[in-house]
Amino acid sequence: LSRALVALGDVAEDALRTGLASLDPAVRAHARATRKLLRDPDAGFDLGVDEAKRVVALGPERAGGTAC
């Protein structure tokens, strides 16, 4: 999904803003990772994926709040 959004370019910004405002911490983490990838397409996506997995596994409270 992230690669598809990146392929859309700036058109994807509205969808990313919606994701960043989501109440779901996993959605917010994914939107942040996608935005990073949009800004730097050559960057690795692994860190964003790892962050999203951590938030889902621990929950937003236990993840240290860094994902929100």
Protein backbone atom coordinates (compact mmCIF):
# COMPACT_ATOMS: atom_id res chain seq x y z
CA LEU A 1 0.00 0.00 0.00
CA SER A 2 2.78 2.41 0.87
CA ARG A 3 4.54 1.92 -2.46
CA ALA A 4 1.24 2.52 -4.29
CA LEU A 5 0.66 5.73 -2.34
CA VAL A 6 4.22 6.86 -3.07
CA ALA A 7 3.62 6.19 -6.78
CA LEU A 8 0.69 8.62 -6.60
CA GLY A 9 3.02 11.34 -5.34
CA ASP A 10 1.53 14.49 -3.84
CA VAL A 11 -1.99 13.25 -4.56
CA ALA A 12 -1.51 10.81 -1.65
CA GLU A 13 -1.03 13.61 0.90
CA ASP A 14 -4.75 13.85 1.73
CA ALA A 15 -4.90 10.13 2.46
CA LEU A 16 -1.77 10.38 4.59
CA ARG A 17 -3.19 13.29 6.58
CA THR A 18 -6.28 11.21 7.25
CA GLY A 19 -4.09 8.31 8.38
CA LEU A 20 -2.01 10.55 10.63
CA ALA A 21 -5.21 11.72 12.35
CA SER A 22 -6.54 8.19 12.84
CA LEU A 23 -7.41 6.93 16.30
CA ASP A 24 -5.73 3.62 15.42
CA PRO A 25 -2.03 3.75 16.37
CA ALA A 26 -1.10 1.21 13.69
CA VAL A 27 -2.73 3.37 11.01
CA ARG A 28 -0.85 6.44 12.28
CA ALA A 29 2.46 4.55 12.28
CA HIS A 30 1.83 3.30 8.75
CA ALA A 31 0.94 6.81 7.55
CA ARG A 32 4.14 8.21 9.11
CA ALA A 33 6.25 5.51 7.47
CA THR A 34 4.57 6.13 4.12
CA ARG A 35 5.12 9.88 4.39
CA LYS A 36 8.83 9.26 5.07
CA LEU A 37 8.97 7.02 2.01
CA LEU A 38 7.16 9.66 -0.08
CA ARG A 39 9.70 12.30 0.96
CA ASP A 40 12.66 9.97 0.32
CA PRO A 41 11.72 7.12 -2.05
CA ASP A 42 15.20 5.62 -1.80
CA ALA A 43 14.95 5.31 1.98
CA GLY A 44 14.35 1.94 3.49
CA PHE A 45 10.87 1.14 4.70
CA ASP A 46 11.98 -1.38 7.32
CA LEU A 47 12.15 1.07 10.22
CA GLY A 48 8.61 2.27 9.64
CA VAL A 49 7.32 -1.28 9.41
CA ASP A 50 9.16 -2.21 12.59
CA GLU A 51 7.65 0.79 14.38
CA ALA A 52 4.13 -0.14 13.26
CA LYS A 53 4.61 -3.74 14.41
CA ARG A 54 5.87 -2.52 17.78
CA VAL A 55 2.85 -0.28 18.31
CA VAL A 56 0.46 -3.09 17.42
CA ALA A 57 2.27 -5.58 19.66
CA LEU A 58 2.67 -3.34 22.70
CA GLY A 59 -0.24 -0.98 22.29
CA PRO A 60 0.21 2.79 22.06
CA GLU A 61 0.58 3.26 25.82
CA ARG A 62 3.36 0.70 26.22
CA ALA A 63 5.10 1.65 22.98
CA GLY A 64 6.34 4.77 24.72
CA GLY A 65 4.14 7.18 22.84
CA THR A 66 6.70 7.56 20.07
CA ALA A 67 4.30 6.17 17.50
CA CYS A 68 1.67 8.85 18.02
